[in-house]
Amino acid sequence: MNIGFAMCGSFCTYSQVFPIMEALSKEHNIVPIFSECSYTTDSRFGSAVQHIKTATEICGVSPLHTIDQVEPIGPKKLLDILVIAPCTGNTLAKLAHSIADGPVTMAAKSHLRNGRPILLAISTNDALAGAAENIGKLMGRKHYYFVPFGQDDPLGKPTSIVADFTQIPLAIEAAAAGKQLQPVIFQKKSSY
């Protein structure tokens, strides 16, 4: 399959996401896509240059990172599925409201014109607060699918949700077949 793999600015999850990208690249053609934030921001989890280099080495091509670069995805039918991992609350909000003002959201808009699946792997500190409405809107929208997710730190960050990135390959198979991988919400062992 031709898989678009879009990365947004939840830098703390990159160490979990890159191994999944690498595993997928052994069987599929991966097209890396970086949000503007991912392409330019250095954080305590690594520099933008390091992240770009890692994605390029894994995929064999540099990440697409501008609206002009991703706009042809739909018209040229370049992807079978678009994975957004990690998908931040900011990106969720834009997708839920059909805003395409950056490379990841434009890639999604362009890809949707072909009625092909988009798989979201959420990572946001406000998923059970402000972002909950947007998750609900996308959960019920045609062509959107979710990687199973759960609370990552219920005591320290009670509204935070992170996808189980290890389930991306199974979620891709399900989404490609038009199905949502179940259960969508998983429960980690209680820390009480």
N, C-alpha and C. Protein backbone atom coordinates (compact mmCIF):
# COMPACT_ATOMS: atom_id res chain seq x y z
N MET A 1 0.84 -1.19 0.00
CA MET A 1 0.00 0.00 0.00
C MET A 1 0.87 1.25 0.00
N ASN A 2 0.33 2.32 -0.50
CA ASN A 2 0.95 3.64 -0.39
C ASN A 2 0.32 4.31 0.82
N ILE A 3 1.12 4.48 1.86
CA ILE A 3 0.63 5.02 3.13
C ILE A 3 1.23 6.39 3.38
N GLY A 4 0.38 7.40 3.51
CA GLY A 4 0.83 8.70 3.97
C GLY A 4 0.96 8.62 5.47
N PHE A 5 2.07 9.10 6.00
CA PHE A 5 2.30 9.04 7.45
C PHE A 5 2.60 10.46 7.91
N ALA A 6 1.57 11.13 8.42
CA ALA A 6 1.68 12.53 8.82
C ALA A 6 1.96 12.64 10.31
N MET A 7 2.91 13.50 10.65
CA MET A 7 3.30 13.70 12.04
C MET A 7 3.02 15.13 12.48
N CYS A 8 2.33 15.26 13.61
CA CYS A 8 2.05 16.57 14.20
C CYS A 8 2.93 16.75 15.44
N GLY A 9 2.76 17.84 16.15
CA GLY A 9 3.70 18.27 17.17
C GLY A 9 3.67 17.66 18.55
N SER A 10 3.20 16.46 18.72
CA SER A 10 3.28 15.80 20.02
C SER A 10 4.63 15.09 20.11
N PHE A 11 5.67 15.87 20.32
CA PHE A 11 7.05 15.37 20.21
C PHE A 11 7.37 14.26 21.20
N CYS A 12 6.70 14.25 22.34
CA CYS A 12 6.97 13.23 23.35
C CYS A 12 6.62 11.83 22.88
N THR A 13 5.83 11.71 21.80
CA THR A 13 5.45 10.39 21.30
C THR A 13 6.29 9.93 20.11
N TYR A 14 7.18 10.77 19.61
CA TYR A 14 7.95 10.40 18.41
C TYR A 14 8.76 9.12 18.61
N SER A 15 9.27 8.91 19.82
CA SER A 15 10.06 7.70 20.07
C SER A 15 9.21 6.44 19.96
N GLN A 16 7.90 6.57 20.10
CA GLN A 16 6.99 5.44 19.92
C GLN A 16 6.51 5.32 18.48
N VAL A 17 6.42 6.46 17.80
CA VAL A 17 5.86 6.49 16.44
C VAL A 17 6.88 6.07 15.38
N PHE A 18 8.13 6.53 15.51
CA PHE A 18 9.13 6.20 14.48
C PHE A 18 9.33 4.69 14.31
N PRO A 19 9.37 3.88 15.37
CA PRO A 19 9.51 2.42 15.16
C PRO A 19 8.33 1.82 14.37
N ILE A 20 7.14 2.37 14.54
CA ILE A 20 5.98 1.88 13.79
C ILE A 20 6.13 2.26 12.32
N MET A 21 6.55 3.48 12.07
CA MET A 21 6.80 3.92 10.70
C MET A 21 7.83 3.00 10.04
N GLU A 22 8.89 2.69 10.78
CA GLU A 22 9.94 1.83 10.24
C GLU A 22 9.42 0.42 9.95
N ALA A 23 8.64 -0.15 10.85
CA ALA A 23 8.08 -1.49 10.62
C ALA A 23 7.18 -1.49 9.38
N LEU A 24 6.36 -0.47 9.24
CA LEU A 24 5.47 -0.38 8.08
C LEU A 24 6.26 -0.23 6.78
N SER A 25 7.39 0.48 6.85
CA SER A 25 8.18 0.74 5.64
C SER A 25 8.78 -0.54 5.05
N LYS A 26 8.84 -1.60 5.82
CA LYS A 26 9.38 -2.88 5.33
C LYS A 26 8.40 -3.57 4.38
N GLU A 27 7.11 -3.23 4.49
CA GLU A 27 6.10 -3.87 3.65
C GLU A 27 5.33 -2.90 2.75
N HIS A 28 5.44 -1.61 3.03
CA HIS A 28 4.64 -0.62 2.30
C HIS A 28 5.51 0.57 1.89
N ASN A 29 5.00 1.32 0.92
CA ASN A 29 5.62 2.58 0.53
C ASN A 29 5.08 3.66 1.47
N ILE A 30 5.97 4.28 2.23
CA ILE A 30 5.56 5.30 3.20
C ILE A 30 5.94 6.68 2.69
N VAL A 31 4.96 7.58 2.67
CA VAL A 31 5.18 8.97 2.30
C VAL A 31 5.10 9.80 3.57
N PRO A 32 6.24 10.28 4.08
CA PRO A 32 6.20 11.07 5.32
C PRO A 32 5.69 12.49 5.06
N ILE A 33 4.90 12.98 5.99
CA ILE A 33 4.34 14.33 5.92
C ILE A 33 4.52 14.95 7.30
N PHE A 34 5.08 16.14 7.36
CA PHE A 34 5.29 16.83 8.63
C PHE A 34 4.45 18.09 8.67
N SER A 35 3.85 18.34 9.83
CA SER A 35 3.19 19.63 10.04
C SER A 35 4.28 20.70 10.07
N GLU A 36 3.86 21.95 9.95
CA GLU A 36 4.83 23.05 10.02
C GLU A 36 5.58 23.00 11.34
N CYS A 37 4.86 22.73 12.41
CA CYS A 37 5.46 22.65 13.74
C CYS A 37 6.50 21.53 13.80
N SER A 38 6.15 20.36 13.30
CA SER A 38 7.07 19.22 13.32
C SER A 38 8.32 19.49 12.50
N TYR A 39 8.15 20.22 11.42
CA TYR A 39 9.27 20.46 10.50
C TYR A 39 10.23 21.53 11.01
N THR A 40 9.77 22.37 11.93
CA THR A 40 10.60 23.52 12.33
C THR A 40 10.94 23.60 13.82
N THR A 41 10.29 22.82 14.65
CA THR A 41 10.42 23.01 16.10
C THR A 41 11.42 22.04 16.72
N ASP A 42 12.35 22.60 17.47
CA ASP A 42 13.24 21.81 18.32
C ASP A 42 12.58 21.71 19.70
N SER A 43 12.66 20.55 20.31
CA SER A 43 12.09 20.38 21.63
C SER A 43 13.04 19.54 22.48
N ARG A 44 12.67 19.32 23.72
CA ARG A 44 13.51 18.50 24.59
C ARG A 44 13.51 17.04 24.15
N PHE A 45 12.66 16.71 23.17
CA PHE A 45 12.59 15.34 22.65
C PHE A 45 13.37 15.18 21.35
N GLY A 46 14.11 16.23 20.97
CA GLY A 46 14.94 16.16 19.76
C GLY A 46 14.75 17.38 18.88
N SER A 47 15.68 17.56 17.99
CA SER A 47 15.61 18.71 17.08
C SER A 47 14.79 18.36 15.84
N ALA A 48 14.29 19.39 15.20
CA ALA A 48 13.55 19.21 13.94
C ALA A 48 14.43 18.51 12.92
N VAL A 49 15.68 18.91 12.85
CA VAL A 49 16.62 18.30 11.89
C VAL A 49 16.76 16.80 12.16
N GLN A 50 16.85 16.41 13.42
CA GLN A 50 16.95 14.98 13.76
C GLN A 50 15.69 14.22 13.34
N HIS A 51 14.53 14.80 13.58
CA HIS A 51 13.28 14.13 13.22
C HIS A 51 13.14 14.00 11.70
N ILE A 52 13.50 15.04 10.99
CA ILE A 52 13.45 15.01 9.52
C ILE A 52 14.40 13.93 9.00
N LYS A 53 15.59 13.88 9.57
CA LYS A 53 16.59 12.89 9.16
C LYS A 53 16.08 11.47 9.42
N THR A 54 15.49 11.25 10.57
CA THR A 54 14.96 9.92 10.91
C THR A 54 13.88 9.49 9.93
N ALA A 55 12.93 10.37 9.66
CA ALA A 55 11.84 10.04 8.73
C ALA A 55 12.40 9.79 7.32
N THR A 56 13.35 10.59 6.91
CA THR A 56 13.96 10.43 5.58
C THR A 56 14.68 9.09 5.47
N GLU A 57 15.43 8.73 6.49
CA GLU A 57 16.14 7.45 6.48
C GLU A 57 15.17 6.27 6.45
N ILE A 58 14.10 6.35 7.21
CA ILE A 58 13.12 5.27 7.26
C ILE A 58 12.39 5.12 5.93
N CYS A 59 11.94 6.25 5.37
CA CYS A 59 11.07 6.22 4.20
C CYS A 59 11.80 6.30 2.87
N GLY A 60 13.05 6.75 2.90
CA GLY A 60 13.80 6.89 1.66
C GLY A 60 13.51 8.16 0.90
N VAL A 61 12.64 9.01 1.44
CA VAL A 61 12.33 10.32 0.85
C VAL A 61 12.15 11.32 1.97
N SER A 62 12.40 12.58 1.67
CA SER A 62 12.22 13.64 2.65
C SER A 62 10.74 13.87 2.90
N PRO A 63 10.38 14.28 4.12
CA PRO A 63 8.97 14.55 4.41
C PRO A 63 8.42 15.70 3.59
N LEU A 64 7.19 15.54 3.14
CA LEU A 64 6.46 16.66 2.54
C LEU A 64 6.11 17.59 3.70
N HIS A 65 6.24 18.90 3.48
CA HIS A 65 6.03 19.81 4.61
C HIS A 65 5.41 21.15 4.22
N THR A 66 4.90 21.24 3.01
CA THR A 66 4.22 22.46 2.59
C THR A 66 2.87 22.10 1.98
N ILE A 67 1.98 23.07 1.95
CA ILE A 67 0.67 22.87 1.33
C ILE A 67 0.84 22.52 -0.14
N ASP A 68 1.73 23.20 -0.84
CA ASP A 68 1.96 22.93 -2.26
C ASP A 68 2.39 21.48 -2.51
N GLN A 69 3.20 20.94 -1.60
CA GLN A 69 3.68 19.57 -1.78
C GLN A 69 2.59 18.53 -1.57
N VAL A 70 1.66 18.78 -0.65
CA VAL A 70 0.65 17.76 -0.33
C VAL A 70 -0.64 17.90 -1.13
N GLU A 71 -0.89 19.03 -1.72
CA GLU A 71 -2.16 19.25 -2.44
C GLU A 71 -2.39 18.21 -3.54
N PRO A 72 -1.37 17.75 -4.27
CA PRO A 72 -1.60 16.75 -5.32
C PRO A 72 -1.99 15.35 -4.83
N ILE A 73 -1.94 15.11 -3.53
CA ILE A 73 -2.26 13.78 -2.99
C ILE A 73 -3.61 13.29 -3.49
N GLY A 74 -4.62 14.15 -3.45
CA GLY A 74 -5.96 13.76 -3.90
C GLY A 74 -6.08 13.67 -5.41
N PRO A 75 -5.78 14.76 -6.12
CA PRO A 75 -5.94 14.71 -7.58
C PRO A 75 -5.16 13.58 -8.25
N LYS A 76 -3.99 13.27 -7.73
CA LYS A 76 -3.17 12.21 -8.33
C LYS A 76 -3.39 10.84 -7.68
N LYS A 77 -4.30 10.79 -6.68
CA LYS A 77 -4.62 9.54 -5.98
C LYS A 77 -3.34 8.83 -5.51
N LEU A 78 -2.51 9.57 -4.77
CA LEU A 78 -1.19 9.08 -4.38
C LEU A 78 -1.21 8.11 -3.20
N LEU A 79 -2.27 8.15 -2.37
CA LEU A 79 -2.27 7.34 -1.15
C LEU A 79 -3.47 6.40 -1.09
N ASP A 80 -3.24 5.24 -0.48
CA ASP A 80 -4.34 4.32 -0.19
C ASP A 80 -4.97 4.66 1.16
N ILE A 81 -4.14 5.15 2.08
CA ILE A 81 -4.59 5.54 3.42
C ILE A 81 -3.67 6.63 3.92
N LEU A 82 -4.21 7.52 4.74
CA LEU A 82 -3.42 8.56 5.40
C LEU A 82 -3.49 8.31 6.90
N VAL A 83 -2.33 8.11 7.51
CA VAL A 83 -2.22 7.94 8.95
C VAL A 83 -1.71 9.25 9.54
N ILE A 84 -2.37 9.76 10.54
CA ILE A 84 -1.89 10.95 11.24
C ILE A 84 -1.52 10.51 12.65
N ALA A 85 -0.20 10.42 12.87
CA ALA A 85 0.32 9.88 14.14
C ALA A 85 1.63 10.58 14.50
N PRO A 86 1.67 11.33 15.55
CA PRO A 86 0.58 11.64 16.46
C PRO A 86 -0.35 12.71 15.89
N CYS A 87 -1.61 12.61 16.26
CA CYS A 87 -2.60 13.60 15.88
C CYS A 87 -2.94 14.43 17.11
N THR A 88 -2.55 15.69 17.09
CA THR A 88 -2.73 16.58 18.23
C THR A 88 -4.16 17.12 18.31
N GLY A 89 -4.49 17.72 19.44
CA GLY A 89 -5.79 18.36 19.62
C GLY A 89 -6.01 19.48 18.61
N ASN A 90 -4.96 20.20 18.28
CA ASN A 90 -5.04 21.27 17.29
C ASN A 90 -5.46 20.71 15.93
N THR A 91 -4.82 19.62 15.53
CA THR A 91 -5.15 19.00 14.24
C THR A 91 -6.55 18.42 14.27
N LEU A 92 -6.93 17.77 15.39
CA LEU A 92 -8.30 17.25 15.53
C LEU A 92 -9.33 18.35 15.30
N ALA A 93 -9.11 19.50 15.93
CA ALA A 93 -10.05 20.62 15.81
C ALA A 93 -10.16 21.09 14.36
N LYS A 94 -9.03 21.18 13.70
CA LYS A 94 -9.06 21.64 12.31
C LYS A 94 -9.76 20.63 11.41
N LEU A 95 -9.48 19.35 11.60
CA LEU A 95 -10.14 18.32 10.80
C LEU A 95 -11.64 18.32 11.05
N ALA A 96 -12.04 18.44 12.32
CA ALA A 96 -13.47 18.43 12.67
C ALA A 96 -14.22 19.59 12.06
N HIS A 97 -13.51 20.69 11.79
CA HIS A 97 -14.16 21.88 11.24
C HIS A 97 -13.73 22.18 9.80
N SER A 98 -13.16 21.17 9.14
CA SER A 98 -12.77 21.26 7.73
C SER A 98 -11.83 22.42 7.43
N ILE A 99 -10.90 22.66 8.33
CA ILE A 99 -9.89 23.70 8.13
C ILE A 99 -8.63 23.04 7.57
N ALA A 100 -8.18 23.54 6.42
CA ALA A 100 -7.00 22.98 5.77
C ALA A 100 -5.97 24.09 5.57
N ASP A 101 -5.29 24.45 6.66
CA ASP A 101 -4.37 25.58 6.60
C ASP A 101 -2.91 25.20 6.80
N GLY A 102 -2.60 23.93 6.72
CA GLY A 102 -1.23 23.46 6.87
C GLY A 102 -1.06 22.17 6.11
N PRO A 103 0.17 21.64 6.07
CA PRO A 103 0.42 20.45 5.26
C PRO A 103 -0.36 19.21 5.70
N VAL A 104 -0.54 18.98 6.98
CA VAL A 104 -1.25 17.77 7.42
C VAL A 104 -2.75 17.90 7.14
N THR A 105 -3.34 19.02 7.47
CA THR A 105 -4.77 19.17 7.24
C THR A 105 -5.09 19.26 5.74
N MET A 106 -4.19 19.86 4.96
CA MET A 106 -4.40 19.89 3.50
C MET A 106 -4.24 18.49 2.92
N ALA A 107 -3.29 17.71 3.43
CA ALA A 107 -3.14 16.33 2.96
C ALA A 107 -4.43 15.56 3.22
N ALA A 108 -5.02 15.76 4.40
CA ALA A 108 -6.28 15.08 4.73
C ALA A 108 -7.40 15.52 3.80
N LYS A 109 -7.53 16.81 3.60
CA LYS A 109 -8.59 17.31 2.72
C LYS A 109 -8.42 16.78 1.30
N SER A 110 -7.21 16.81 0.81
CA SER A 110 -6.93 16.35 -0.55
C SER A 110 -7.20 14.86 -0.68
N HIS A 111 -6.78 14.09 0.32
CA HIS A 111 -6.96 12.64 0.32
C HIS A 111 -8.44 12.26 0.42
N LEU A 112 -9.23 13.01 1.18
CA LEU A 112 -10.65 12.69 1.37
C LEU A 112 -11.46 12.80 0.08
N ARG A 113 -10.99 13.58 -0.85
CA ARG A 113 -11.76 13.74 -2.09
C ARG A 113 -11.91 12.42 -2.84
N ASN A 114 -11.03 11.45 -2.52
CA ASN A 114 -11.10 10.14 -3.16
C ASN A 114 -11.89 9.13 -2.33
N GLY A 115 -12.42 9.57 -1.19
CA GLY A 115 -13.19 8.67 -0.35
C GLY A 115 -12.34 7.56 0.27
N ARG A 116 -11.08 7.88 0.52
CA ARG A 116 -10.16 6.90 1.10
C ARG A 116 -9.96 7.19 2.58
N PRO A 117 -9.57 6.17 3.36
CA PRO A 117 -9.55 6.32 4.82
C PRO A 117 -8.42 7.18 5.38
N ILE A 118 -8.76 7.82 6.49
CA ILE A 118 -7.80 8.57 7.31
C ILE A 118 -7.82 7.93 8.68
N LEU A 119 -6.64 7.58 9.17
CA LEU A 119 -6.50 6.93 10.47
C LEU A 119 -5.83 7.90 11.44
N LEU A 120 -6.50 8.18 12.54
CA LEU A 120 -6.02 9.14 13.53
C LEU A 120 -5.49 8.43 14.76
N ALA A 121 -4.26 8.76 15.13
CA ALA A 121 -3.64 8.24 16.36
C ALA A 121 -3.47 9.42 17.30
N ILE A 122 -4.46 9.61 18.16
CA ILE A 122 -4.55 10.79 19.02
C ILE A 122 -3.43 10.85 20.06
N SER A 123 -2.97 12.08 20.29
CA SER A 123 -2.09 12.38 21.41
C SER A 123 -2.34 13.83 21.80
N THR A 124 -3.17 14.01 22.83
CA THR A 124 -3.49 15.37 23.26
C THR A 124 -3.82 15.41 24.75
N ASN A 125 -3.33 16.43 25.40
CA ASN A 125 -3.57 16.58 26.84
C ASN A 125 -4.99 16.98 27.19
N ASP A 126 -5.79 17.43 26.20
CA ASP A 126 -7.15 17.87 26.53
C ASP A 126 -8.23 17.04 25.84
N ALA A 127 -7.93 15.78 25.55
CA ALA A 127 -8.90 14.92 24.86
C ALA A 127 -10.19 14.74 25.64
N LEU A 128 -10.11 14.73 26.97
CA LEU A 128 -11.31 14.58 27.79
C LEU A 128 -11.81 15.93 28.29
N ALA A 129 -11.38 16.96 27.62
CA ALA A 129 -11.82 18.33 27.93
C ALA A 129 -12.22 18.97 26.60
N GLY A 130 -11.50 20.01 26.20
CA GLY A 130 -11.86 20.76 25.00
C GLY A 130 -11.86 19.97 23.71
N ALA A 131 -10.97 18.99 23.57
CA ALA A 131 -10.88 18.23 22.32
C ALA A 131 -11.93 17.12 22.21
N ALA A 132 -12.63 16.83 23.29
CA ALA A 132 -13.61 15.73 23.28
C ALA A 132 -14.68 15.92 22.20
N GLU A 133 -15.15 17.13 22.06
CA GLU A 133 -16.18 17.42 21.05
C GLU A 133 -15.67 17.10 19.65
N ASN A 134 -14.42 17.43 19.38
CA ASN A 134 -13.86 17.20 18.05
C ASN A 134 -13.63 15.71 17.79
N ILE A 135 -13.24 14.98 18.82
CA ILE A 135 -13.12 13.53 18.68
C ILE A 135 -14.48 12.95 18.32
N GLY A 136 -15.52 13.40 19.02
CA GLY A 136 -16.87 12.93 18.74
C GLY A 136 -17.32 13.23 17.32
N LYS A 137 -17.02 14.43 16.84
CA LYS A 137 -17.41 14.80 15.48
C LYS A 137 -16.72 13.91 14.45
N LEU A 138 -15.44 13.65 14.66
CA LEU A 138 -14.70 12.83 13.69
C LEU A 138 -15.03 11.36 13.83
N MET A 139 -15.35 10.92 15.03
CA MET A 139 -15.69 9.51 15.26
C MET A 139 -16.90 9.11 14.41
N GLY A 140 -17.80 10.02 14.22
CA GLY A 140 -18.99 9.71 13.45
C GLY A 140 -18.91 10.08 11.98
N ARG A 141 -17.78 10.57 11.54
CA ARG A 141 -17.65 11.02 10.16
C ARG A 141 -17.10 9.93 9.26
N LYS A 142 -17.71 9.82 8.09
CA LYS A 142 -17.30 8.81 7.12
C LYS A 142 -15.83 9.00 6.73
N HIS A 143 -15.13 7.89 6.59
CA HIS A 143 -13.73 7.80 6.15
C HIS A 143 -12.72 8.11 7.25
N TYR A 144 -13.18 8.45 8.46
CA TYR A 144 -12.26 8.67 9.59
C TYR A 144 -12.29 7.46 10.51
N TYR A 145 -11.11 7.02 10.91
CA TYR A 145 -10.96 5.89 11.81
C TYR A 145 -9.94 6.26 12.88
N PHE A 146 -9.99 5.56 14.01
CA PHE A 146 -9.10 5.87 15.12
C PHE A 146 -8.26 4.66 15.52
N VAL A 147 -7.01 4.92 15.85
CA VAL A 147 -6.19 3.93 16.52
C VAL A 147 -6.71 3.88 17.96
N PRO A 148 -6.91 2.70 18.54
CA PRO A 148 -7.40 2.64 19.92
C PRO A 148 -6.58 3.53 20.86
N PHE A 149 -7.27 4.17 21.78
CA PHE A 149 -6.62 5.13 22.67
C PHE A 149 -7.10 4.99 24.10
N GLY A 150 -6.32 5.56 25.02
CA GLY A 150 -6.68 5.54 26.43
C GLY A 150 -5.92 6.61 27.19
N GLN A 151 -6.26 6.77 28.45
CA GLN A 151 -5.57 7.74 29.29
C GLN A 151 -4.14 7.28 29.53
N ASP A 152 -3.21 8.21 29.37
CA ASP A 152 -1.80 7.85 29.56
C ASP A 152 -1.31 8.14 30.97
N ASP A 153 -1.97 9.05 31.66
CA ASP A 153 -1.57 9.39 33.03
C ASP A 153 -2.78 9.94 33.77
N PRO A 154 -3.72 9.07 34.18
CA PRO A 154 -4.97 9.53 34.77
C PRO A 154 -4.82 10.41 36.01
N LEU A 155 -3.80 10.16 36.80
CA LEU A 155 -3.62 10.96 38.01
C LEU A 155 -2.90 12.28 37.72
N GLY A 156 -1.87 12.22 36.92
CA GLY A 156 -1.08 13.43 36.62
C GLY A 156 -1.69 14.32 35.56
N LYS A 157 -2.35 13.71 34.57
CA LYS A 157 -2.97 14.45 33.47
C LYS A 157 -4.33 13.82 33.18
N PRO A 158 -5.33 14.12 33.99
CA PRO A 158 -6.61 13.41 33.91
C PRO A 158 -7.39 13.60 32.62
N THR A 159 -7.08 14.60 31.81
CA THR A 159 -7.82 14.77 30.54
C THR A 159 -7.00 14.34 29.33
N SER A 160 -5.82 13.78 29.55
CA SER A 160 -4.91 13.40 28.47
C SER A 160 -5.22 12.01 27.91
N ILE A 161 -5.17 11.91 26.59
CA ILE A 161 -5.38 10.64 25.88
C ILE A 161 -4.23 10.44 24.89
N VAL A 162 -3.75 9.21 24.80
CA VAL A 162 -2.73 8.86 23.82
C VAL A 162 -3.12 7.53 23.18
N ALA A 163 -2.93 7.47 21.86
CA ALA A 163 -3.20 6.23 21.13
C ALA A 163 -2.20 5.16 21.50
N ASP A 164 -2.61 3.92 21.33
CA ASP A 164 -1.69 2.79 21.45
C ASP A 164 -1.05 2.63 20.07
N PHE A 165 0.08 3.29 19.86
CA PHE A 165 0.71 3.34 18.55
C PHE A 165 1.07 1.95 18.01
N THR A 166 1.26 0.99 18.90
CA THR A 166 1.59 -0.36 18.43
C THR A 166 0.43 -0.98 17.65
N GLN A 167 -0.76 -0.42 17.79
CA GLN A 167 -1.92 -0.95 17.07
C GLN A 167 -2.14 -0.31 15.70
N ILE A 168 -1.25 0.59 15.30
CA ILE A 168 -1.40 1.25 14.00
C ILE A 168 -1.48 0.23 12.86
N PRO A 169 -0.60 -0.77 12.78
CA PRO A 169 -0.72 -1.72 11.65
C PRO A 169 -2.08 -2.43 11.59
N LEU A 170 -2.59 -2.88 12.72
CA LEU A 170 -3.91 -3.53 12.74
C LEU A 170 -5.01 -2.53 12.38
N ALA A 171 -4.88 -1.30 12.88
CA ALA A 171 -5.88 -0.28 12.60
C ALA A 171 -5.87 0.10 11.12
N ILE A 172 -4.70 0.05 10.48
CA ILE A 172 -4.61 0.30 9.03
C ILE A 172 -5.39 -0.78 8.28
N GLU A 173 -5.17 -2.03 8.64
CA GLU A 173 -5.88 -3.13 7.98
C GLU A 173 -7.39 -2.97 8.13
N ALA A 174 -7.83 -2.65 9.34
CA ALA A 174 -9.27 -2.47 9.58
C ALA A 174 -9.82 -1.30 8.77
N ALA A 175 -9.14 -0.15 8.82
CA ALA A 175 -9.60 1.03 8.11
C ALA A 175 -9.63 0.80 6.60
N ALA A 176 -8.63 0.09 6.08
CA ALA A 176 -8.60 -0.21 4.65
C ALA A 176 -9.80 -1.06 4.24
N ALA A 177 -10.32 -1.84 5.19
CA ALA A 177 -11.51 -2.67 4.95
C ALA A 177 -12.80 -1.93 5.33
N GLY A 178 -12.68 -0.64 5.71
CA GLY A 178 -13.86 0.15 6.06
C GLY A 178 -14.39 -0.11 7.45
N LYS A 179 -13.52 -0.61 8.35
CA LYS A 179 -13.96 -0.94 9.71
C LYS A 179 -13.12 -0.21 10.75
N GLN A 180 -13.75 0.06 11.88
CA GLN A 180 -13.05 0.65 13.02
C GLN A 180 -12.54 -0.48 13.90
N LEU A 181 -11.23 -0.47 14.18
CA LEU A 181 -10.65 -1.46 15.09
C LEU A 181 -11.26 -1.27 16.47
N GLN A 182 -11.67 -2.35 17.10
CA GLN A 182 -12.33 -2.29 18.41
C GLN A 182 -11.50 -3.01 19.46
N PRO A 183 -11.60 -2.68 20.72
CA PRO A 183 -12.32 -1.51 21.23
C PRO A 183 -11.54 -0.23 20.94
N VAL A 184 -12.26 0.85 20.71
CA VAL A 184 -11.62 2.14 20.42
C VAL A 184 -10.94 2.67 21.68
N ILE A 185 -11.60 2.51 22.82
CA ILE A 185 -11.05 3.01 24.08
C ILE A 185 -10.58 1.82 24.90
N PHE A 186 -9.31 1.83 25.25
CA PHE A 186 -8.77 0.74 26.07
C PHE A 186 -8.47 1.27 27.46
N GLN A 187 -8.40 0.37 28.40
CA GLN A 187 -8.12 0.75 29.78
C GLN A 187 -6.80 0.15 30.21
N LYS A 188 -5.91 1.01 30.65
CA LYS A 188 -4.66 0.54 31.23
C LYS A 188 -4.93 0.11 32.65
N LYS A 189 -3.99 -0.59 33.24
CA LYS A 189 -4.13 -0.97 34.65
C LYS A 189 -4.28 0.27 35.50
N SER A 190 -5.16 0.22 36.43
CA SER A 190 -5.41 1.35 37.30
C SER A 190 -4.18 1.66 38.16
N SER A 191 -3.93 2.94 38.36
CA SER A 191 -2.80 3.35 39.18
C SER A 191 -3.24 3.78 40.59
N TYR A 192 -4.47 3.47 40.95
CA TYR A 192 -4.99 3.85 42.27
C TYR A 192 -4.55 2.87 43.33
